[in-house]
């Protein structure tokens, strides 16, 4: 648990989309953290950065490909040098693309693994190397039920999410004794996004019954994990609507 002043403390959110990632960045910014958010296209980050600043927070957007080791190293170095120490890190890249195992291509399978697993290793490692020198920090990985069991037509996604969960477990066991809290969050269910509203109107209708996940409520749990005292750290946290089958 971080008890010192929040001045110049940074939260780095890799994969800060319009829903979960953005909500997490806003939640930490409300606590005084400087939100550094990334996507492959910086233009798509501007509305998020503007909204955080409009609420009185600080935010910076970066175009970065988390699959590229050189870009990851440059990103972390720049933030640490120009903005402040990364006290909290959130990996939030998804790649949920269903396909029959009979039709899946090697190229797409590899791309899904590269996005949802390998990039977690690259970014998590780069941040962990900084945190261990300070003896503190929080590393949070966004997972899914696919990381616990594979469903039909989701072999690629399940393989990647199993991998990111295993990475989180290994990092938690190694880095916990060095005062770095590593946790894995299983987000299971539809999230309140424009994509769900426009593509799956029947599912989106569950919103009236609290049947889909609110990004702001997800973000509250990420802040909860970061705020935990180290005598009661959580490794894995499940978040799902009350009506979600599991």
Protein backbone atom coordinates (compact mmCIF):
# COMPACT_ATOMS: atom_id res chain seq x y z
CA UNK A 1 0.00 0.00 0.00
CA UNK A 2 1.39 3.39 -0.95
CA UNK A 3 1.25 5.83 1.95
CA UNK A 4 3.43 8.68 0.81
CA UNK A 5 2.33 11.75 -1.15
CA UNK A 6 0.88 11.06 -4.57
CA UNK A 7 2.82 13.97 -6.16
CA UNK A 8 4.39 12.84 -9.43
CA UNK A 9 3.18 9.28 -9.02
CA UNK A 10 2.27 7.66 -12.31
CA UNK A 11 -0.24 5.01 -13.31
CA UNK A 12 0.56 3.47 -16.68
CA UNK A 13 -2.37 1.88 -18.48
CA UNK A 14 -1.43 -0.21 -21.50
CA UNK A 15 -4.48 -0.53 -23.75
CA UNK A 16 -6.50 2.43 -22.51
CA UNK A 17 -9.62 2.04 -24.61
CA UNK A 18 -12.90 3.88 -24.39
CA UNK A 19 -14.26 1.62 -21.64
CA UNK A 20 -12.31 -0.30 -18.99
CA UNK A 21 -8.83 1.10 -19.59
CA UNK A 22 -10.08 4.64 -19.74
CA UNK A 23 -12.15 4.23 -16.59
CA UNK A 24 -9.13 2.86 -14.72
CA UNK A 25 -7.01 5.81 -15.82
CA UNK A 26 -9.68 8.28 -14.68
CA UNK A 27 -10.06 6.52 -11.31
CA UNK A 28 -6.37 6.75 -10.51
CA UNK A 29 -6.21 10.34 -11.77
CA UNK A 30 -8.91 11.29 -9.29
CA UNK A 31 -6.53 10.13 -6.56
CA UNK A 32 -3.80 12.45 -7.82
CA UNK A 33 -1.93 10.01 -10.01
CA UNK A 34 -0.62 11.17 -13.37
CA UNK A 35 -2.35 8.92 -15.90
CA UNK A 36 -0.11 7.76 -18.74
CA UNK A 37 -2.23 5.91 -21.27
CA UNK A 38 -1.29 4.07 -24.43
CA UNK A 39 -2.79 2.78 -27.62
CA UNK A 40 -1.25 2.13 -30.98
CA UNK A 41 -2.92 5.31 -32.24
CA UNK A 42 -2.38 8.44 -30.14
CA UNK A 43 -5.29 10.27 -31.82
CA UNK A 44 -7.78 7.86 -30.24
CA UNK A 45 -6.45 8.75 -26.78
CA UNK A 46 -7.13 12.48 -26.98
CA UNK A 47 -10.76 12.34 -25.75
CA UNK A 48 -9.65 10.37 -22.68
CA UNK A 49 -6.76 12.71 -21.95
CA UNK A 50 -9.05 15.73 -22.37
CA UNK A 51 -11.69 14.26 -20.04
CA UNK A 52 -9.15 13.59 -17.29
CA UNK A 53 -7.75 17.09 -17.57
CA UNK A 54 -11.27 18.57 -17.57
CA UNK A 55 -11.85 16.85 -14.21
CA UNK A 56 -8.72 18.48 -12.82
CA UNK A 57 -6.39 15.52 -13.29
CA UNK A 58 -3.16 15.06 -15.19
CA UNK A 59 -2.85 12.78 -18.20
CA UNK A 60 -0.54 12.04 -21.11
CA UNK A 61 -1.24 9.88 -24.14
CA UNK A 62 1.36 7.82 -25.95
CA UNK A 63 1.28 5.95 -29.25
CA UNK A 64 3.07 2.69 -28.56
CA UNK A 65 3.01 -0.87 -29.85
CA UNK A 66 3.28 -3.10 -26.78
CA UNK A 67 4.44 -5.99 -28.97
CA UNK A 68 7.68 -4.19 -29.83
CA UNK A 69 10.42 -4.49 -27.22
CA UNK A 70 12.20 -1.32 -28.36
CA UNK A 71 9.03 0.77 -28.17
CA UNK A 72 8.19 -0.58 -24.72
CA UNK A 73 11.66 0.26 -23.40
CA UNK A 74 11.48 3.75 -24.88
CA UNK A 75 8.00 4.34 -23.42
CA UNK A 76 8.95 3.33 -19.87
CA UNK A 77 12.22 5.27 -20.01
CA UNK A 78 10.48 8.42 -21.21
CA UNK A 79 7.77 8.28 -18.56
CA UNK A 80 10.23 7.63 -15.74
CA UNK A 81 12.56 10.39 -16.96
CA UNK A 82 10.08 13.11 -17.90
CA UNK A 83 6.94 12.49 -15.81
CA UNK A 84 7.56 10.41 -12.71
CA UNK A 85 7.94 6.94 -11.20
CA UNK A 86 5.45 4.32 -12.36
CA UNK A 87 3.80 3.28 -9.10
CA UNK A 88 0.92 1.36 -10.68
CA UNK A 89 0.83 -0.53 -13.96
CA UNK A 90 -2.25 -1.94 -15.69
CA UNK A 91 -2.10 -4.29 -18.67
CA UNK A 92 -5.46 -4.15 -20.42
CA UNK A 93 -5.00 -5.42 -23.97
CA UNK A 94 -7.61 -7.87 -25.23
CA UNK A 95 -7.85 -9.88 -28.42
CA UNK A 96 -11.15 -11.73 -28.22
CA UNK A 97 -11.60 -12.97 -31.79
CA UNK A 98 -13.60 -16.23 -32.03
CA UNK A 99 -12.82 -18.79 -34.70
CA UNK A 100 -13.22 -22.54 -35.16
CA UNK A 101 -10.03 -24.47 -34.53
CA UNK A 102 -10.62 -26.00 -37.98
CA UNK A 103 -10.42 -22.60 -39.64
CA UNK A 104 -7.94 -20.74 -37.42
CA UNK A 105 -4.80 -19.56 -39.18
CA UNK A 106 -1.30 -19.63 -37.78
CA UNK A 107 -0.96 -15.91 -38.49
CA UNK A 108 -4.06 -14.89 -36.53
CA UNK A 109 -3.37 -17.32 -33.68
CA UNK A 110 0.10 -15.85 -33.28
CA UNK A 111 -1.19 -12.27 -33.50
CA UNK A 112 -3.74 -12.90 -30.73
CA UNK A 113 -1.08 -14.45 -28.51
CA UNK A 114 1.32 -11.63 -29.29
CA UNK A 115 -1.24 -8.96 -28.39
CA UNK A 116 -2.84 -10.53 -25.31
CA UNK A 117 0.12 -12.38 -23.79
CA UNK A 118 3.55 -11.54 -25.18
CA UNK A 119 2.98 -7.80 -24.88
CA UNK A 120 2.04 -8.37 -21.23
CA UNK A 121 5.44 -9.96 -20.67
CA UNK A 122 7.31 -7.12 -22.39
CA UNK A 123 5.51 -4.30 -20.60
CA UNK A 124 5.28 -6.05 -17.25
CA UNK A 125 8.98 -6.87 -17.27
CA UNK A 126 9.99 -3.32 -18.21
CA UNK A 127 7.94 -1.81 -15.41
CA UNK A 128 8.96 -4.44 -12.84
CA UNK A 129 12.62 -3.66 -13.42
CA UNK A 130 11.94 -0.06 -12.35
CA UNK A 131 9.76 -1.01 -9.41
CA UNK A 132 12.27 -3.39 -7.84
CA UNK A 133 14.85 -0.61 -7.61
CA UNK A 134 12.36 1.38 -5.50
CA UNK A 135 11.04 -1.58 -3.55
CA UNK A 136 7.36 -0.89 -4.22
CA UNK A 137 4.66 -0.94 -6.89
CA UNK A 138 1.50 -2.54 -8.20
CA UNK A 139 1.14 -4.58 -11.40
CA UNK A 140 -2.38 -5.52 -12.52
CA UNK A 141 -3.25 -7.78 -15.45
CA UNK A 142 -6.73 -7.87 -16.99
CA UNK A 143 -7.77 -11.45 -17.60
CA UNK A 144 -10.91 -13.34 -18.58
CA UNK A 145 -12.66 -16.63 -17.88
CA UNK A 146 -10.84 -17.84 -21.00
CA UNK A 147 -7.73 -17.82 -18.83
CA UNK A 148 -9.32 -20.46 -16.59
CA UNK A 149 -10.91 -22.69 -19.21
CA UNK A 150 -11.05 -22.77 -22.99
CA UNK A 151 -14.40 -22.57 -24.76
CA UNK A 152 -15.25 -23.88 -28.21
CA UNK A 153 -14.13 -21.50 -30.96
CA UNK A 154 -11.83 -19.55 -28.62
CA UNK A 155 -8.64 -21.62 -28.74
CA UNK A 156 -6.40 -18.66 -29.63
CA UNK A 157 -7.88 -16.29 -27.07
CA UNK A 158 -7.89 -18.94 -24.35
CA UNK A 159 -4.27 -19.81 -25.05
CA UNK A 160 -3.24 -16.17 -24.72
CA UNK A 161 -5.28 -15.60 -21.56
CA UNK A 162 -3.99 -18.78 -19.95
CA UNK A 163 -0.52 -17.45 -20.69
CA UNK A 164 -1.10 -14.04 -19.14
CA UNK A 165 -2.54 -15.65 -16.01
CA UNK A 166 0.52 -17.89 -15.70
CA UNK A 167 2.76 -14.86 -16.19
CA UNK A 168 0.91 -13.01 -13.42
CA UNK A 169 1.22 -15.99 -11.07
CA UNK A 170 4.95 -16.29 -11.65
CA UNK A 171 5.51 -12.56 -11.24
CA UNK A 172 3.41 -12.45 -8.07
CA UNK A 173 5.43 -15.24 -6.46
CA UNK A 174 8.75 -13.69 -7.43
CA UNK A 175 8.00 -10.02 -6.84
CA UNK A 176 5.67 -10.19 -3.83
CA UNK A 177 8.59 -10.67 -1.42
CA UNK A 178 10.11 -7.54 -2.99
CA UNK A 179 7.05 -5.48 -2.04
CA UNK A 180 5.47 -5.44 -5.49
CA UNK A 181 1.81 -6.43 -5.59
CA UNK A 182 0.94 -8.40 -8.72
CA UNK A 183 -2.70 -9.30 -9.32
CA UNK A 184 -4.85 -10.86 -12.03
CA UNK A 185 -8.41 -9.65 -12.59
CA UNK A 186 -10.90 -12.01 -14.24
CA UNK A 187 -13.44 -9.83 -16.05
CA UNK A 188 -16.26 -12.14 -17.08
CA UNK A 189 -19.22 -10.72 -18.97
CA UNK A 190 -20.28 -8.05 -21.40
CA UNK A 191 -19.06 -4.53 -20.62
CA UNK A 192 -21.10 -1.38 -21.13
CA UNK A 193 -19.57 -0.16 -24.40
CA UNK A 194 -20.79 1.24 -27.70
CA UNK A 195 -19.66 -2.00 -29.35
CA UNK A 196 -21.92 -4.14 -27.17
CA UNK A 197 -24.80 -1.68 -27.55
CA UNK A 198 -24.57 -1.63 -31.34
CA UNK A 199 -23.58 -5.25 -32.00
CA UNK A 200 -25.43 -7.19 -29.30
CA UNK A 201 -28.58 -5.22 -28.43
CA UNK A 202 -30.13 -8.20 -26.64
CA UNK A 203 -27.17 -8.44 -24.30
CA UNK A 204 -27.04 -4.68 -23.87
CA UNK A 205 -30.65 -4.73 -22.74
CA UNK A 206 -29.44 -6.47 -19.57
CA UNK A 207 -28.02 -3.12 -18.48
CA UNK A 208 -31.42 -2.22 -17.03
CA UNK A 209 -31.04 -5.15 -14.62
CA UNK A 210 -27.36 -4.51 -13.79
CA UNK A 211 -26.59 -7.44 -16.05
CA UNK A 212 -23.53 -6.02 -17.81
CA UNK A 213 -20.35 -4.64 -16.30
CA UNK A 214 -20.02 -0.91 -15.73
CA UNK A 215 -16.43 0.20 -16.59
CA UNK A 216 -16.46 2.61 -13.64
CA UNK A 217 -17.26 -0.25 -11.27
CA UNK A 218 -14.47 -2.34 -12.77
CA UNK A 219 -12.08 0.56 -12.27
CA UNK A 220 -13.07 0.87 -8.62
CA UNK A 221 -11.84 -2.68 -8.06
CA UNK A 222 -8.48 -1.92 -9.66
CA UNK A 223 -8.04 0.98 -7.27
CA UNK A 224 -9.07 -1.34 -4.42
CA UNK A 225 -6.32 -3.79 -5.38
CA UNK A 226 -3.73 -1.06 -5.57
CA UNK A 227 -4.77 0.28 -2.16
CA UNK A 228 -4.60 -3.03 -0.29
CA UNK A 229 -2.19 -3.36 2.65
CA UNK A 230 0.43 -5.98 1.94
CA UNK A 231 -0.63 -8.20 4.84
CA UNK A 232 -3.87 -8.89 2.91
CA UNK A 233 -3.00 -8.76 -0.79
CA UNK A 234 -5.36 -10.34 -3.32
CA UNK A 235 -3.82 -12.20 -6.24
CA UNK A 236 -6.93 -13.04 -8.25
CA UNK A 237 -10.22 -11.16 -8.30
CA UNK A 238 -13.32 -12.22 -10.26
CA UNK A 239 -15.73 -9.57 -11.55
CA UNK A 240 -18.97 -10.59 -13.24
CA UNK A 241 -22.62 -9.50 -13.26
CA UNK A 242 -24.90 -11.40 -10.93
CA UNK A 243 -26.74 -13.00 -13.87
CA UNK A 244 -23.65 -14.08 -15.81
CA UNK A 245 -23.31 -17.86 -16.28
CA UNK A 246 -19.95 -19.28 -15.23
